[in-house]
Amino acid sequence: RLGLAERLARRWLELPFATVLGIEHEKAVHL
């Protein structure tokens, strides 16, 4: 509920800092 998952996903989309990224988040949130 702080928007951190979304911000992290956007950062990875800008510059993939890992080959694989897994982000845990609430079911209602679509990254």
PDB file of all heavy atoms in Angstrom:
ATOM      1  N   ARG A   1       0.789  -1.238   0.000  1.00  0.00           N
ATOM      2  CA  ARG A   1       0.000   0.000   0.000  1.00  0.00           C
ATOM      3  C   ARG A   1       0.824   1.294   0.000  1.00  0.00           C
ATOM      4  O   ARG A   1       0.324   2.345   0.366  1.00  0.00           O
ATOM      5  CB  ARG A   1      -0.986   0.024   1.172  1.00  0.00           C
ATOM      6  CG  ARG A   1      -2.018  -1.079   1.086  1.00  0.00           C
ATOM      7  CD  ARG A   1      -3.050  -0.986   2.191  1.00  0.00           C
ATOM      8  NE  ARG A   1      -3.959  -2.103   2.112  1.00  0.00           N
ATOM      9  CZ  ARG A   1      -3.833  -3.216   2.835  1.00  0.00           C
ATOM     10  NH1 ARG A   1      -2.856  -3.346   3.707  1.00  0.00           N
ATOM     11  NH2 ARG A   1      -4.696  -4.201   2.693  1.00  0.00           N
ATOM     12  N   LEU A   2       2.081   1.197  -0.401  1.00  0.00           N
ATOM     13  CA  LEU A   2       2.905   2.408  -0.481  1.00  0.00           C
ATOM     14  C   LEU A   2       3.362   2.711  -1.905  1.00  0.00           C
ATOM     15  O   LEU A   2       4.110   3.653  -2.128  1.00  0.00           O
ATOM     16  CB  LEU A   2       4.136   2.266   0.434  1.00  0.00           C
ATOM     17  CG  LEU A   2       3.861   2.082   1.926  1.00  0.00           C
ATOM     18  CD1 LEU A   2       5.164   1.873   2.687  1.00  0.00           C
ATOM     19  CD2 LEU A   2       3.114   3.290   2.474  1.00  0.00           C
ATOM     20  N   GLY A   3       2.960   1.854  -2.855  1.00  0.00           N
ATOM     21  CA  GLY A   3       3.361   2.057  -4.243  1.00  0.00           C
ATOM     22  C   GLY A   3       4.779   1.619  -4.543  1.00  0.00           C
ATOM     23  O   GLY A   3       5.284   1.867  -5.640  1.00  0.00           O
ATOM     24  N   LEU A   4       5.441   0.965  -3.608  1.00  0.00           N
ATOM     25  CA  LEU A   4       6.841   0.582  -3.796  1.00  0.00           C
ATOM     26  C   LEU A   4       7.014  -0.516  -4.838  1.00  0.00           C
ATOM     27  O   LEU A   4       7.976  -0.500  -5.609  1.00  0.00           O
ATOM     28  CB  LEU A   4       7.456   0.167  -2.465  1.00  0.00           C
ATOM     29  CG  LEU A   4       7.482   1.252  -1.399  1.00  0.00           C
ATOM     30  CD1 LEU A   4       7.942   0.696  -0.054  1.00  0.00           C
ATOM     31  CD2 LEU A   4       8.355   2.415  -1.827  1.00  0.00           C
ATOM     32  N   ALA A   5       6.081  -1.467  -4.880  1.00  0.00           N
ATOM     33  CA  ALA A   5       6.168  -2.536  -5.879  1.00  0.00           C
ATOM     34  C   ALA A   5       6.078  -1.957  -7.288  1.00  0.00           C
ATOM     35  O   ALA A   5       6.859  -2.335  -8.172  1.00  0.00           O
ATOM     36  CB  ALA A   5       5.065  -3.571  -5.646  1.00  0.00           C
ATOM     37  N   GLU A   6       5.171  -1.035  -7.489  1.00  0.00           N
ATOM     38  CA  GLU A   6       5.014  -0.401  -8.792  1.00  0.00           C
ATOM     39  C   GLU A   6       6.260   0.387  -9.175  1.00  0.00           C
ATOM     40  O   GLU A   6       6.726   0.324 -10.317  1.00  0.00           O
ATOM     41  CB  GLU A   6       3.793   0.527  -8.806  1.00  0.00           C
ATOM     42  CG  GLU A   6       2.468  -0.187  -8.638  1.00  0.00           C
ATOM     43  CD  GLU A   6       2.019  -0.280  -7.175  1.00  0.00           C
ATOM     44  OE1 GLU A   6       2.870  -0.243  -6.242  1.00  0.00           O
ATOM     45  OE2 GLU A   6       0.810  -0.407  -6.954  1.00  0.00           O
ATOM     46  N   ARG A   7       6.810   1.134  -8.237  1.00  0.00           N
ATOM     47  CA  ARG A   7       8.016   1.929  -8.516  1.00  0.00           C
ATOM     48  C   ARG A   7       9.198   1.027  -8.847  1.00  0.00           C
ATOM     49  O   ARG A   7       9.997   1.333  -9.750  1.00  0.00           O
ATOM     50  CB  ARG A   7       8.330   2.837  -7.336  1.00  0.00           C
ATOM     51  CG  ARG A   7       7.296   3.961  -7.192  1.00  0.00           C
ATOM     52  CD  ARG A   7       7.492   4.801  -5.963  1.00  0.00           C
ATOM     53  NE  ARG A   7       8.809   5.405  -5.897  1.00  0.00           N
ATOM     54  CZ  ARG A   7       9.344   5.898  -4.790  1.00  0.00           C
ATOM     55  NH1 ARG A   7       8.664   5.887  -3.657  1.00  0.00           N
ATOM     56  NH2 ARG A   7      10.548   6.431  -4.809  1.00  0.00           N
ATOM     57  N   LEU A   8       9.320  -0.080  -8.130  1.00  0.00           N
ATOM     58  CA  LEU A   8      10.406  -1.020  -8.395  1.00  0.00           C
ATOM     59  C   LEU A   8      10.241  -1.665  -9.771  1.00  0.00           C
ATOM     60  O   LEU A   8      11.215  -1.784 -10.531  1.00  0.00           O
ATOM     61  CB  LEU A   8      10.450  -2.090  -7.306  1.00  0.00           C
ATOM     62  CG  LEU A   8      11.585  -3.098  -7.419  1.00  0.00           C
ATOM     63  CD1 LEU A   8      12.940  -2.406  -7.346  1.00  0.00           C
ATOM     64  CD2 LEU A   8      11.457  -4.138  -6.308  1.00  0.00           C
ATOM     65  N   ALA A   9       9.019  -2.046 -10.126  1.00  0.00           N
ATOM     66  CA  ALA A   9       8.767  -2.631 -11.445  1.00  0.00           C
ATOM     67  C   ALA A   9       9.131  -1.639 -12.556  1.00  0.00           C
ATOM     68  O   ALA A   9       9.785  -2.013 -13.540  1.00  0.00           O
ATOM     69  CB  ALA A   9       7.307  -3.048 -11.567  1.00  0.00           C
ATOM     70  N   ARG A  10       8.740  -0.391 -12.387  1.00  0.00           N
ATOM     71  CA  ARG A  10       9.068   0.626 -13.403  1.00  0.00           C
ATOM     72  C   ARG A  10      10.582   0.814 -13.540  1.00  0.00           C
ATOM     73  O   ARG A  10      11.103   0.976 -14.642  1.00  0.00           O
ATOM     74  CB  ARG A  10       8.389   1.950 -13.065  1.00  0.00           C
ATOM     75  CG  ARG A  10       6.916   1.941 -13.367  1.00  0.00           C
ATOM     76  CD  ARG A  10       6.287   3.333 -13.245  1.00  0.00           C
ATOM     77  NE  ARG A  10       4.848   3.218 -13.262  1.00  0.00           N
ATOM     78  CZ  ARG A  10       4.090   3.145 -12.161  1.00  0.00           C
ATOM     79  NH1 ARG A  10       4.637   3.217 -10.970  1.00  0.00           N
ATOM     80  NH2 ARG A  10       2.780   3.037 -12.277  1.00  0.00           N
ATOM     81  N   ARG A  11      11.283   0.784 -12.420  1.00  0.00           N
ATOM     82  CA  ARG A  11      12.747   0.914 -12.474  1.00  0.00           C
ATOM     83  C   ARG A  11      13.352  -0.234 -13.261  1.00  0.00           C
ATOM     84  O   ARG A  11      14.224  -0.038 -14.098  1.00  0.00           O
ATOM     85  CB  ARG A  11      13.325   0.980 -11.052  1.00  0.00           C
ATOM     86  CG  ARG A  11      14.825   0.928 -11.000  1.00  0.00           C
ATOM     87  CD  ARG A  11      15.463   2.108 -11.711  1.00  0.00           C
ATOM     88  NE  ARG A  11      16.902   1.963 -11.684  1.00  0.00           N
ATOM     89  CZ  ARG A  11      17.718   2.507 -12.569  1.00  0.00           C
ATOM     90  NH1 ARG A  11      17.253   3.265 -13.527  1.00  0.00           N
ATOM     91  NH2 ARG A  11      19.014   2.321 -12.484  1.00  0.00           N
ATOM     92  N   TRP A  12      12.882  -1.465 -12.999  1.00  0.00           N
ATOM     93  CA  TRP A  12      13.417  -2.630 -13.716  1.00  0.00           C
ATOM     94  C   TRP A  12      13.099  -2.526 -15.210  1.00  0.00           C
ATOM     95  O   TRP A  12      13.932  -2.876 -16.038  1.00  0.00           O
ATOM     96  CB  TRP A  12      12.840  -3.922 -13.135  1.00  0.00           C
ATOM     97  CG  TRP A  12      13.500  -5.134 -13.722  1.00  0.00           C
ATOM     98  CD1 TRP A  12      14.603  -5.776 -13.254  1.00  0.00           C
ATOM     99  CD2 TRP A  12      13.111  -5.832 -14.905  1.00  0.00           C
ATOM    100  NE1 TRP A  12      14.917  -6.835 -14.075  1.00  0.00           N
ATOM    101  CE2 TRP A  12      14.013  -6.894 -15.093  1.00  0.00           C
ATOM    102  CE3 TRP A  12      12.071  -5.664 -15.818  1.00  0.00           C
ATOM    103  CZ2 TRP A  12      13.923  -7.780 -16.159  1.00  0.00           C
ATOM    104  CZ3 TRP A  12      11.980  -6.539 -16.893  1.00  0.00           C
ATOM    105  CH2 TRP A  12      12.900  -7.588 -17.046  1.00  0.00           C
ATOM    106  N   LEU A  13      11.901  -2.048 -15.546  1.00  0.00           N
ATOM    107  CA  LEU A  13      11.543  -1.896 -16.954  1.00  0.00           C
ATOM    108  C   LEU A  13      12.430  -0.865 -17.651  1.00  0.00           C
ATOM    109  O   LEU A  13      12.738  -1.005 -18.833  1.00  0.00           O
ATOM    110  CB  LEU A  13      10.065  -1.524 -17.091  1.00  0.00           C
ATOM    111  CG  LEU A  13       9.084  -2.636 -16.717  1.00  0.00           C
ATOM    112  CD1 LEU A  13       7.674  -2.085 -16.586  1.00  0.00           C
ATOM    113  CD2 LEU A  13       9.140  -3.783 -17.709  1.00  0.00           C
ATOM    114  N   GLU A  14      12.855   0.165 -16.919  1.00  0.00           N
ATOM    115  CA  GLU A  14      13.771   1.171 -17.472  1.00  0.00           C
ATOM    116  C   GLU A  14      15.168   0.600 -17.664  1.00  0.00           C
ATOM    117  O   GLU A  14      15.829   0.874 -18.659  1.00  0.00           O
ATOM    118  CB  GLU A  14      13.862   2.379 -16.540  1.00  0.00           C
ATOM    119  CG  GLU A  14      12.622   3.206 -16.452  1.00  0.00           C
ATOM    120  CD  GLU A  14      12.696   4.225 -15.307  1.00  0.00           C
ATOM    121  OE1 GLU A  14      13.750   4.337 -14.643  1.00  0.00           O
ATOM    122  OE2 GLU A  14      11.675   4.899 -15.078  1.00  0.00           O
ATOM    123  N   LEU A  15      15.632  -0.160 -16.673  1.00  0.00           N
ATOM    124  CA  LEU A  15      16.987  -0.727 -16.693  1.00  0.00           C
ATOM    125  C   LEU A  15      16.967  -2.044 -15.914  1.00  0.00           C
ATOM    126  O   LEU A  15      16.992  -2.033 -14.681  1.00  0.00           O
ATOM    127  CB  LEU A  15      17.992   0.240 -16.051  1.00  0.00           C
ATOM    128  CG  LEU A  15      19.428  -0.239 -16.100  1.00  0.00           C
ATOM    129  CD1 LEU A  15      19.989  -0.106 -17.514  1.00  0.00           C
ATOM    130  CD2 LEU A  15      20.274   0.541 -15.121  1.00  0.00           C
ATOM    131  N   PRO A  16      16.893  -3.160 -16.623  1.00  0.00           N
ATOM    132  CA  PRO A  16      16.822  -4.459 -15.938  1.00  0.00           C
ATOM    133  C   PRO A  16      18.114  -4.764 -15.173  1.00  0.00           C
ATOM    134  O   PRO A  16      19.104  -5.190 -15.744  1.00  0.00           O
ATOM    135  CB  PRO A  16      16.605  -5.458 -17.071  1.00  0.00           C
ATOM    136  CG  PRO A  16      16.190  -4.656 -18.248  1.00  0.00           C
ATOM    137  CD  PRO A  16      16.788  -3.295 -18.065  1.00  0.00           C
ATOM    138  N   PHE A  17      18.073  -4.537 -13.880  1.00  0.00           N
ATOM    139  CA  PHE A  17      19.254  -4.726 -13.033  1.00  0.00           C
ATOM    140  C   PHE A  17      19.461  -6.174 -12.637  1.00  0.00           C
ATOM    141  O   PHE A  17      20.455  -6.507 -12.002  1.00  0.00           O
ATOM    142  CB  PHE A  17      19.161  -3.827 -11.786  1.00  0.00           C
ATOM    143  CG  PHE A  17      17.875  -3.965 -11.024  1.00  0.00           C
ATOM    144  CD1 PHE A  17      17.694  -4.974 -10.098  1.00  0.00           C
ATOM    145  CD2 PHE A  17      16.839  -3.070 -11.252  1.00  0.00           C
ATOM    146  CE1 PHE A  17      16.506  -5.096  -9.407  1.00  0.00           C
ATOM    147  CE2 PHE A  17      15.644  -3.182 -10.561  1.00  0.00           C
ATOM    148  CZ  PHE A  17      15.476  -4.208  -9.635  1.00  0.00           C
ATOM    149  N   ALA A  18      18.535  -7.056 -13.026  1.00  0.00           N
ATOM    150  CA  ALA A  18      18.664  -8.500 -12.790  1.00  0.00           C
ATOM    151  C   ALA A  18      18.025  -9.226 -13.966  1.00  0.00           C
ATOM    152  O   ALA A  18      17.084  -8.717 -14.576  1.00  0.00           O
ATOM    153  CB  ALA A  18      17.977  -8.903 -11.488  1.00  0.00           C
ATOM    154  N   THR A  19      18.532 -10.395 -14.270  1.00  0.00           N
ATOM    155  CA  THR A  19      17.955 -11.195 -15.352  1.00  0.00           C
ATOM    156  C   THR A  19      16.534 -11.616 -15.006  1.00  0.00           C
ATOM    157  O   THR A  19      15.655 -11.635 -15.860  1.00  0.00           O
ATOM    158  CB  THR A  19      18.835 -12.431 -15.618  1.00  0.00           C
ATOM    159  OG1 THR A  19      20.168 -11.989 -15.897  1.00  0.00           O
ATOM    160  CG2 THR A  19      18.328 -13.243 -16.781  1.00  0.00           C
ATOM    161  N   VAL A  20      16.317 -11.948 -13.731  1.00  0.00           N
ATOM    162  CA  VAL A  20      14.993 -12.327 -13.230  1.00  0.00           C
ATOM    163  C   VAL A  20      14.681 -11.457 -12.013  1.00  0.00           C
ATOM    164  O   VAL A  20      15.531 -11.294 -11.135  1.00  0.00           O
ATOM    165  CB  VAL A  20      14.948 -13.811 -12.805  1.00  0.00           C
ATOM    166  CG1 VAL A  20      13.589 -14.167 -12.215  1.00  0.00           C
ATOM    167  CG2 VAL A  20      15.306 -14.725 -13.958  1.00  0.00           C
ATOM    168  N   LEU A  21      13.488 -10.914 -11.980  1.00  0.00           N
ATOM    169  CA  LEU A  21      13.028 -10.146 -10.824  1.00  0.00           C
ATOM    170  C   LEU A  21      11.665 -10.680 -10.408  1.00  0.00           C
ATOM    171  O   LEU A  21      10.755 -10.795 -11.236  1.00  0.00           O
ATOM    172  CB  LEU A  21      12.897  -8.656 -11.166  1.00  0.00           C
ATOM    173  CG  LEU A  21      12.185  -7.769 -10.135  1.00  0.00           C
ATOM    174  CD1 LEU A  21      12.949  -7.729  -8.808  1.00  0.00           C
ATOM    175  CD2 LEU A  21      11.974  -6.367 -10.685  1.00  0.00           C
ATOM    176  N   GLY A  22      11.532 -11.000  -9.127  1.00  0.00           N
ATOM    177  CA  GLY A  22      10.241 -11.381  -8.561  1.00  0.00           C
ATOM    178  C   GLY A  22       9.838 -10.374  -7.509  1.00  0.00           C
ATOM    179  O   GLY A  22      10.619 -10.087  -6.601  1.00  0.00           O
ATOM    180  N   ILE A  23       8.640  -9.816  -7.646  1.00  0.00           N
ATOM    181  CA  ILE A  23       8.141  -8.823  -6.694  1.00  0.00           C
ATOM    182  C   ILE A  23       6.867  -9.358  -6.054  1.00  0.00           C
ATOM    183  O   ILE A  23       5.895  -9.644  -6.748  1.00  0.00           O
ATOM    184  CB  ILE A  23       7.829  -7.473  -7.375  1.00  0.00           C
ATOM    185  CG1 ILE A  23       9.042  -6.929  -8.126  1.00  0.00           C
ATOM    186  CG2 ILE A  23       7.331  -6.466  -6.335  1.00  0.00           C
ATOM    187  CD1 ILE A  23       8.749  -5.675  -8.946  1.00  0.00           C
ATOM    188  N   GLU A  24       6.872  -9.467  -4.734  1.00  0.00           N
ATOM    189  CA  GLU A  24       5.678  -9.877  -3.999  1.00  0.00           C
ATOM    190  C   GLU A  24       4.823  -8.646  -3.738  1.00  0.00           C
ATOM    191  O   GLU A  24       5.334  -7.584  -3.378  1.00  0.00           O
ATOM    192  CB  GLU A  24       6.083 -10.527  -2.680  1.00  0.00           C
ATOM    193  CG  GLU A  24       4.904 -11.069  -1.911  1.00  0.00           C
ATOM    194  CD  GLU A  24       5.308 -11.806  -0.654  1.00  0.00           C
ATOM    195  OE1 GLU A  24       6.301 -12.555  -0.682  1.00  0.00           O
ATOM    196  OE2 GLU A  24       4.625 -11.604   0.369  1.00  0.00           O
ATOM    197  N   HIS A  25       3.502  -8.802  -3.920  1.00  0.00           N
ATOM    198  CA  HIS A  25       2.600  -7.679  -3.711  1.00  0.00           C
ATOM    199  C   HIS A  25       1.179  -8.181  -3.494  1.00  0.00           C
ATOM    200  O   HIS A  25       0.904  -9.381  -3.605  1.00  0.00           O
ATOM    201  CB  HIS A  25       2.663  -6.696  -4.885  1.00  0.00           C
ATOM    202  CG  HIS A  25       2.364  -7.323  -6.209  1.00  0.00           C
ATOM    203  ND1 HIS A  25       1.098  -7.392  -6.723  1.00  0.00           N
ATOM    204  CD2 HIS A  25       3.170  -7.928  -7.120  1.00  0.00           C
ATOM    205  CE1 HIS A  25       1.127  -7.996  -7.896  1.00  0.00           C
ATOM    206  NE2 HIS A  25       2.386  -8.334  -8.160  1.00  0.00           N
ATOM    207  N   GLU A  26       0.290  -7.251  -3.221  1.00  0.00           N
ATOM    208  CA  GLU A  26      -1.120  -7.577  -3.015  1.00  0.00           C
ATOM    209  C   GLU A  26      -1.764  -8.046  -4.314  1.00  0.00           C
ATOM    210  O   GLU A  26      -1.433  -7.560  -5.394  1.00  0.00           O
ATOM    211  CB  GLU A  26      -1.889  -6.344  -2.540  1.00  0.00           C
ATOM    212  CG  GLU A  26      -1.498  -5.855  -1.182  1.00  0.00           C
ATOM    213  CD  GLU A  26      -2.195  -4.553  -0.867  1.00  0.00           C
ATOM    214  OE1 GLU A  26      -1.819  -3.526  -1.458  1.00  0.00           O
ATOM    215  OE2 GLU A  26      -3.119  -4.597  -0.042  1.00  0.00           O
ATOM    216  N   LYS A  27      -2.712  -8.944  -4.176  1.00  0.00           N
ATOM    217  CA  LYS A  27      -3.412  -9.503  -5.338  1.00  0.00           C
ATOM    218  C   LYS A  27      -4.121  -8.431  -6.161  1.00  0.00           C
ATOM    219  O   LYS A  27      -4.168  -8.510  -7.388  1.00  0.00           O
ATOM    220  CB  LYS A  27      -4.411 -10.555  -4.862  1.00  0.00           C
ATOM    221  CG  LYS A  27      -5.092 -11.316  -5.965  1.00  0.00           C
ATOM    222  CD  LYS A  27      -5.992 -12.380  -5.370  1.00  0.00           C
ATOM    223  CE  LYS A  27      -6.702 -13.181  -6.421  1.00  0.00           C
ATOM    224  NZ  LYS A  27      -7.561 -14.211  -5.808  1.00  0.00           N
ATOM    225  N   ALA A  28      -4.652  -7.415  -5.520  1.00  0.00           N
ATOM    226  CA  ALA A  28      -5.399  -6.367  -6.221  1.00  0.00           C
ATOM    227  C   ALA A  28      -4.501  -5.469  -7.075  1.00  0.00           C
ATOM    228  O   ALA A  28      -4.992  -4.765  -7.953  1.00  0.00           O
ATOM    229  CB  ALA A  28      -6.164  -5.512  -5.214  1.00  0.00           C
ATOM    230  N   VAL A  29      -3.210  -5.493  -6.830  1.00  0.00           N
ATOM    231  CA  VAL A  29      -2.272  -4.644  -7.565  1.00  0.00           C
ATOM    232  C   VAL A  29      -1.798  -5.381  -8.826  1.00  0.00           C
ATOM    233  O   VAL A  29      -1.415  -6.541  -8.764  1.00  0.00           O
ATOM    234  CB  VAL A  29      -1.061  -4.283  -6.679  1.00  0.00           C
ATOM    235  CG1 VAL A  29       0.010  -3.562  -7.475  1.00  0.00           C
ATOM    236  CG2 VAL A  29      -1.517  -3.452  -5.492  1.00  0.00           C
ATOM    237  N   HIS A  30      -1.844  -4.683  -9.955  1.00  0.00           N
ATOM    238  CA  HIS A  30      -1.328  -5.235 -11.215  1.00  0.00           C
ATOM    239  C   HIS A  30      -0.123  -4.393 -11.622  1.00  0.00           C
ATOM    240  O   HIS A  30      -0.277  -3.209 -11.931  1.00  0.00           O
ATOM    241  CB  HIS A  30      -2.403  -5.224 -12.301  1.00  0.00           C
ATOM    242  CG  HIS A  30      -3.467  -6.230 -12.045  1.00  0.00           C
ATOM    243  ND1 HIS A  30      -3.411  -7.506 -12.558  1.00  0.00           N
ATOM    244  CD2 HIS A  30      -4.589  -6.170 -11.294  1.00  0.00           C
ATOM    245  CE1 HIS A  30      -4.467  -8.184 -12.140  1.00  0.00           C
ATOM    246  NE2 HIS A  30      -5.197  -7.391 -11.367  1.00  0.00           N
ATOM    247  N   LEU A  31       1.039  -5.002 -11.594  1.00  0.00           N
ATOM    248  CA  LEU A  31       2.266  -4.281 -11.921  1.00  0.00           C
ATOM    249  C   LEU A  31       2.412  -4.138 -13.430  1.00  0.00           C
ATOM    250  O   LEU A  31       1.990  -5.005 -14.190  1.00  0.00           O
ATOM    251  CB  LEU A  31       3.472  -5.020 -11.340  1.00  0.00           C
ATOM    252  CG  LEU A  31       3.483  -5.167  -9.825  1.00  0.00           C
ATOM    253  CD1 LEU A  31       4.756  -5.879  -9.371  1.00  0.00           C
ATOM    254  CD2 LEU A  31       3.360  -3.831  -9.131  1.00  0.00           C
TER     255      LEU A  31
END
